[in-house]
C-alpha atoms as a PDB file:
ATOM      1  CA  MET A   1     102.354  94.933 103.353  1.00  0.00           C
ATOM      2  CA  ALA A   2      99.342  96.271 101.475  1.00  0.00           C
ATOM      3  CA  LYS A   3      95.878  94.719 101.598  1.00  0.00           C
ATOM      4  CA  ILE A   4      94.814  94.304  97.953  1.00  0.00           C
ATOM      5  CA  LEU A   5      91.334  93.407  96.732  1.00  0.00           C
ATOM      6  CA  LEU A   6      91.446  91.687  93.344  1.00  0.00           C
ATOM      7  CA  ILE A   7      88.105  91.627  91.515  1.00  0.00           C
ATOM      8  CA  GLU A   8      88.616  89.290  88.543  1.00  0.00           C
ATOM      9  CA  ASP A   9      86.267  86.666  87.102  1.00  0.00           C
ATOM     10  CA  SER A  10      88.866  84.700  85.107  1.00  0.00           C
ATOM     11  CA  LYS A  11      90.103  81.885  87.347  1.00  0.00           C
ATOM     12  CA  ILE A  12      93.446  81.619  85.536  1.00  0.00           C
ATOM     13  CA  SER A  13      94.128  85.369  85.626  1.00  0.00           C
ATOM     14  CA  ARG A  14      93.047  85.544  89.254  1.00  0.00           C
ATOM     15  CA  LYS A  15      95.352  82.711  90.374  1.00  0.00           C
ATOM     16  CA  ILE A  16      98.350  84.172  88.514  1.00  0.00           C
ATOM     17  CA  MET A  17      97.763  87.649  89.920  1.00  0.00           C
ATOM     18  CA  GLU A  18      97.189  86.352  93.470  1.00  0.00           C
ATOM     19  CA  ALA A  19     100.505  84.480  93.335  1.00  0.00           C
ATOM     20  CA  GLU A  20     102.359  87.541  91.988  1.00  0.00           C
ATOM     21  CA  LEU A  21     100.858  89.864  94.585  1.00  0.00           C
ATOM     22  CA  GLU A  22     101.676  87.523  97.442  1.00  0.00           C
ATOM     23  CA  LYS A  23     105.202  87.005  96.079  1.00  0.00           C
ATOM     24  CA  LYS A  24     105.679  90.778  96.254  1.00  0.00           C
ATOM     25  CA  GLY A  25     104.559  90.791  99.888  1.00  0.00           C
ATOM     26  CA  HIS A  26     100.951  91.939  99.518  1.00  0.00           C
ATOM     27  CA  SER A  27      97.957  90.404 101.244  1.00  0.00           C
ATOM     28  CA  CYS A  28      95.439  89.493  98.530  1.00  0.00           C
ATOM     29  CA  ILE A  29      91.708  88.888  98.838  1.00  0.00           C
ATOM     30  CA  SER A  30      89.755  87.989  95.708  1.00  0.00           C
ATOM     31  CA  ALA A  31      86.241  88.352  94.413  1.00  0.00           C
ATOM     32  CA  THR A  32      84.920  86.614  91.309  1.00  0.00           C
ATOM     33  CA  ASP A  33      82.042  88.888  90.331  1.00  0.00           C
ATOM     34  CA  GLY A  34      80.952  92.479  90.651  1.00  0.00           C
ATOM     35  CA  LEU A  35      78.513  92.205  93.549  1.00  0.00           C
ATOM     36  CA  GLU A  36      80.918  90.124  95.623  1.00  0.00           C
ATOM     37  CA  GLY A  37      83.699  92.606  94.837  1.00  0.00           C
ATOM     38  CA  LEU A  38      81.628  95.612  95.885  1.00  0.00           C
ATOM     39  CA  LYS A  39      80.605  93.885  99.124  1.00  0.00           C
ATOM     40  CA  LYS A  40      84.201  92.927  99.983  1.00  0.00           C
ATOM     41  CA  ALA A  41      85.454  96.435  99.172  1.00  0.00           C
ATOM     42  CA  LYS A  42      82.997  97.931 101.636  1.00  0.00           C
ATOM     43  CA  GLU A  43      83.587  95.307 104.328  1.00  0.00           C
ATOM     44  CA  MET A  44      87.381  95.123 104.289  1.00  0.00           C
ATOM     45  CA  MET A  45      88.427  98.643 103.242  1.00  0.00           C
ATOM     46  CA  PRO A  46      91.437  97.477 101.188  1.00  0.00           C
ATOM     47  CA  ASP A  47      94.498  99.631 100.619  1.00  0.00           C
ATOM     48  CA  LEU A  48      94.050  99.244  96.856  1.00  0.00           C
ATOM     49  CA  ILE A  49      91.638  97.568  94.420  1.00  0.00           C
ATOM     50  CA  LEU A  50      92.582  95.829  91.165  1.00  0.00           C
ATOM     51  CA  LEU A  51      89.361  95.807  89.166  1.00  0.00           C
ATOM     52  CA  ASP A  52      88.432  94.027  85.956  1.00  0.00           C
ATOM     53  CA  VAL A  53      85.799  95.812  83.866  1.00  0.00           C
ATOM     54  CA  MET A  54      83.903  92.919  82.316  1.00  0.00           C
ATOM     55  CA  LEU A  55      82.453  91.049  85.304  1.00  0.00           C
ATOM     56  CA  PRO A  56      79.330  89.000  86.003  1.00  0.00           C
ATOM     57  CA  SER A  57      76.512  90.637  88.013  1.00  0.00           C
ATOM     58  CA  MET A  58      77.947  94.191  87.900  1.00  0.00           C
ATOM     59  CA  ASN A  59      80.619  95.680  85.643  1.00  0.00           C
ATOM     60  CA  GLY A  60      83.755  97.359  86.886  1.00  0.00           C
ATOM     61  CA  PHE A  61      82.682 100.819  85.718  1.00  0.00           C
ATOM     62  CA  LYS A  62      79.642 100.673  88.009  1.00  0.00           C
ATOM     63  CA  ILE A  63      81.649  99.297  90.954  1.00  0.00           C
ATOM     64  CA  CYS A  64      84.209 102.064  90.543  1.00  0.00           C
ATOM     65  CA  ARG A  65      81.543 104.750  90.355  1.00  0.00           C
ATOM     66  CA  LEU A  66      79.722 103.453  93.450  1.00  0.00           C
ATOM     67  CA  LEU A  67      82.943 103.426  95.466  1.00  0.00           C
ATOM     68  CA  LYS A  68      84.486 106.660  94.221  1.00  0.00           C
ATOM     69  CA  PHE A  69      81.326 108.714  94.668  1.00  0.00           C
ATOM     70  CA  ASP A  70      80.841 107.574  98.279  1.00  0.00           C
ATOM     71  CA  LYS A  71      82.872 109.598 100.790  1.00  0.00           C
ATOM     72  CA  ARG A  72      83.574 106.467 102.876  1.00  0.00           C
ATOM     73  CA  TYR A  73      85.408 104.697 100.031  1.00  0.00           C
ATOM     74  CA  LYS A  74      86.497 107.370  97.586  1.00  0.00           C
ATOM     75  CA  LYS A  75      90.098 107.427  98.788  1.00  0.00           C
ATOM     76  CA  ILE A  76      90.691 103.731  98.013  1.00  0.00           C
ATOM     77  CA  PRO A  77      92.895 103.693  94.885  1.00  0.00           C
ATOM     78  CA  ILE A  78      91.473 101.682  91.997  1.00  0.00           C
ATOM     79  CA  ILE A  79      93.438 100.280  89.075  1.00  0.00           C
ATOM     80  CA  MET A  80      91.231  98.995  86.275  1.00  0.00           C
ATOM     81  CA  LEU A  81      92.741  96.051  84.418  1.00  0.00           C
ATOM     82  CA  THR A  82      90.825  95.185  81.276  1.00  0.00           C
ATOM     83  CA  THR A  83      90.835  93.873  77.741  1.00  0.00           C
ATOM     84  CA  ARG A  84      88.657  96.859  76.806  1.00  0.00           C
ATOM     85  CA  ASN A  85      91.445  99.047  75.484  1.00  0.00           C
ATOM     86  CA  GLU A  86      89.709 101.549  73.224  1.00  0.00           C
ATOM     87  CA  GLN A  87      90.124 105.236  74.009  1.00  0.00           C
ATOM     88  CA  LYS A  88      86.400 105.607  74.817  1.00  0.00           C
ATOM     89  CA  ASP A  89      86.637 102.807  77.394  1.00  0.00           C
ATOM     90  CA  GLN A  90      89.625 104.450  79.037  1.00  0.00           C
ATOM     91  CA  LYS A  91      87.719 107.758  79.210  1.00  0.00           C
ATOM     92  CA  ILE A  92      84.763 106.008  80.850  1.00  0.00           C
ATOM     93  CA  GLY A  93      87.042 104.266  83.354  1.00  0.00           C
ATOM     94  CA  LEU A  94      88.756 107.484  84.363  1.00  0.00           C
ATOM     95  CA  ALA A  95      85.440 109.378  84.462  1.00  0.00           C
ATOM     96  CA  THR A  96      83.983 106.805  86.857  1.00  0.00           C
ATOM     97  CA  GLY A  97      86.921 107.442  89.187  1.00  0.00           C
ATOM     98  CA  ALA A  98      89.631 104.910  88.344  1.00  0.00           C
ATOM     99  CA  ASP A  99      93.068 106.153  89.348  1.00  0.00           C
ATOM    100  CA  VAL A 100      94.733 104.109  86.606  1.00  0.00           C
ATOM    101  CA  TYR A 101      93.283 102.380  83.522  1.00  0.00           C
ATOM    102  CA  MET A 102      95.610  99.604  82.366  1.00  0.00           C
ATOM    103  CA  PRO A 103      94.806  97.464  79.306  1.00  0.00           C
ATOM    104  CA  LYS A 104      95.487  93.716  79.355  1.00  0.00           C
ATOM    105  CA  PRO A 105      97.939  92.257  78.727  1.00  0.00           C
ATOM    106  CA  PHE A 106      99.923  94.517  81.026  1.00  0.00           C
ATOM    107  CA  ASP A 107     103.534  94.601  82.144  1.00  0.00           C
ATOM    108  CA  PRO A 108     103.694  93.263  85.749  1.00  0.00           C
ATOM    109  CA  ASP A 109     106.509  95.696  86.587  1.00  0.00           C
ATOM    110  CA  GLU A 110     104.410  98.613  85.338  1.00  0.00           C
ATOM    111  CA  LEU A 111     101.474  97.413  87.437  1.00  0.00           C
ATOM    112  CA  GLU A 112     103.667  97.135  90.533  1.00  0.00           C
ATOM    113  CA  ALA A 113     105.085 100.629  89.914  1.00  0.00           C
ATOM    114  CA  GLU A 114     101.566 102.093  89.664  1.00  0.00           C
ATOM    115  CA  MET A 115     100.515 100.225  92.797  1.00  0.00           C
ATOM    116  CA  GLN A 116     103.507 101.554  94.737  1.00  0.00           C
ATOM    117  CA  ARG A 117     102.839 105.094  93.501  1.00  0.00           C
ATOM    118  CA  LEU A 118      99.197 104.935  94.577  1.00  0.00           C
ATOM    119  CA  LEU A 119      99.967 103.252  97.889  1.00  0.00           C
ATOM    120  CA  GLY A 120     102.626 105.882  98.581  1.00  0.00           C
ATOM    121  CA  ASP A 121     100.154 108.656  97.781  1.00  0.00           C
ATOM    122  CA  ARG A 122      97.626 107.092 100.132  1.00  0.00           C
ATOM    123  CA  SER A 123     100.205 106.714 102.900  1.00  0.00           C
ATOM    124  CA  ARG A 124     101.094 110.401 102.661  1.00  0.00           C
ATOM    125  CA  LEU A 125      97.400 111.304 102.659  1.00  0.00           C
ATOM    126  CA  LYS A 126      96.735 109.305 105.854  1.00  0.00           C
ATOM    127  CA  LYS A 127      99.540 111.164 107.615  1.00  0.00           C
ATOM    128  CA  THR A 128      97.991 114.530 106.802  1.00  0.00           C
ATOM    129  CA  LEU A 129      94.502 113.590 108.048  1.00  0.00           C
END
């Protein structure tokens, strides 16, 4: 079971995603804005972060950059989920350190496949450390 941090300000999206994650056997903790999400990421060291880009108090690009450029948190996989689906936004997301940039609406099976790939990569990495 993976510990997933979901940083999403939309209550409806958050509730749907929490239910789906828990149905698939993941433990899900949520944050509703950028500052809360950054704090929870640092406190709980999740196995993976699902990160919206457009958030109150701090956007997802900044959160991603702060985590990925800090040696304590840089190995936490981050999947950005966002309605910002222009090529320039995707380039910014990947440049700030996102492992995957996935536009909304997304295919839940595709999201789960990316999560499993990243969690598997992280599991292999832990074994080599």
